[in-house]
Amino acid sequence: MEDQFNTMKHNPIIGTGNEAQDILMYVYQALQVKGYDPVDQLVGYMITGDPTYITSYNSARSLIGRVERDALLEELVRSYLETH
C-alpha cells in the first residue's frame, strides 16, 4: 500500500554551508520584510534570548532557535573582523 501522505521537510535556506551565517542572513531578511529594524531585533534577541524579538514570518523564529546564541555571536564577530 502506498503512503498517500508523503511529506517533505523543506529547508528554506540555501546558502554558504555556514549554518549560523545562513540563518542570520535569512532572519535579517525576514525582519526587514516585516518592517522591523533587523539590527535592533537581533541585538535584543542576542542579549535576552527572548525569541519574540524574532518574527515568526517564514519560520525565522524557529530557524534562529536551531543555533546557540554564542555561535551566532561568534559568527557576527568573525564576519566583522574579516571585513575591517
Protein backbone atom coordinates (compact mmCIF):
# COMPACT_ATOMS: atom_id res chain seq x y z
CA MET A 1 0.00 0.00 0.00
CA GLU A 2 1.36 3.39 -0.98
CA ASP A 3 1.77 6.13 1.58
CA GLN A 4 -0.60 8.83 0.40
CA PHE A 5 0.67 11.33 2.95
CA ASN A 6 4.24 11.76 1.81
CA THR A 7 5.69 14.83 3.40
CA MET A 8 8.93 16.52 2.74
CA LYS A 9 10.96 18.58 5.14
CA HIS A 10 11.63 21.89 3.46
CA ASN A 11 14.77 23.84 4.24
CA PRO A 12 14.19 27.44 3.13
CA ILE A 13 17.86 28.30 3.42
CA ILE A 14 20.20 27.74 0.54
CA GLY A 15 23.47 29.33 1.36
CA THR A 16 27.11 29.10 2.20
CA GLY A 17 27.13 25.94 4.27
CA ASN A 18 27.84 28.03 7.38
CA GLU A 19 24.63 27.44 9.33
CA ALA A 20 24.99 30.43 11.69
CA GLN A 21 25.71 32.84 8.84
CA ASP A 22 22.94 31.49 6.66
CA ILE A 23 20.36 31.66 9.43
CA LEU A 24 21.41 35.18 10.44
CA MET A 25 21.01 36.40 6.87
CA TYR A 26 17.66 34.63 6.47
CA VAL A 27 16.32 36.06 9.74
CA TYR A 28 17.67 39.51 8.85
CA GLN A 29 15.74 39.45 5.58
CA ALA A 30 12.56 38.18 7.27
CA LEU A 31 12.74 41.01 9.80
CA GLN A 32 13.21 43.56 7.01
CA VAL A 33 10.24 42.22 5.06
CA LYS A 34 8.02 42.56 8.12
CA GLY A 35 9.16 46.17 8.66
CA TYR A 36 11.32 45.67 11.75
CA ASP A 37 14.78 47.10 12.31
CA PRO A 38 16.78 43.85 11.98
CA VAL A 39 19.79 45.11 13.93
CA ASP A 40 17.69 46.20 16.93
CA GLN A 41 15.70 42.97 16.89
CA LEU A 42 18.77 40.74 16.60
CA VAL A 43 20.57 42.63 19.37
CA GLY A 44 17.52 42.24 21.61
CA TYR A 45 17.45 38.53 20.90
CA MET A 46 21.20 38.11 21.46
CA ILE A 47 21.11 39.95 24.80
CA THR A 48 17.97 38.43 26.27
CA GLY A 49 17.47 35.14 24.45
CA ASP A 50 13.80 36.06 24.10
CA PRO A 51 12.62 34.56 20.80
CA THR A 52 9.79 37.07 20.48
CA TYR A 53 12.35 39.57 19.18
CA ILE A 54 12.39 37.47 16.02
CA THR A 55 9.39 37.36 13.70
CA SER A 56 7.74 34.02 13.09
CA TYR A 57 7.36 35.04 9.44
CA ASN A 58 8.78 32.35 7.13
CA SER A 59 9.79 30.29 10.20
CA ALA A 60 12.55 32.76 11.10
CA ARG A 61 11.96 32.30 14.85
CA SER A 62 12.22 28.54 14.73
CA LEU A 63 15.29 28.70 12.49
CA ILE A 64 17.23 31.05 14.77
CA GLY A 65 16.44 28.73 17.66
CA ARG A 66 18.41 25.96 15.93
CA VAL A 67 21.69 27.75 16.60
CA GLU A 68 23.06 28.61 20.03
CA ARG A 69 23.34 32.34 20.69
CA ASP A 70 27.07 32.08 21.36
CA ALA A 71 27.55 30.54 17.88
CA LEU A 72 25.58 33.43 16.37
CA LEU A 73 27.70 35.94 18.28
CA GLU A 74 30.90 34.19 17.15
CA GLU A 75 29.74 34.45 13.55
CA LEU A 76 28.96 38.15 13.93
CA VAL A 77 32.38 38.89 15.44
CA ARG A 78 34.18 36.76 12.83
CA SER A 79 32.34 38.47 9.99
CA TYR A 80 33.04 41.93 11.37
CA LEU A 81 36.74 41.26 11.88
CA GLU A 82 37.14 39.78 8.42
CA THR A 83 35.71 42.90 6.79
CA HIS A 84 37.58 45.51 8.88
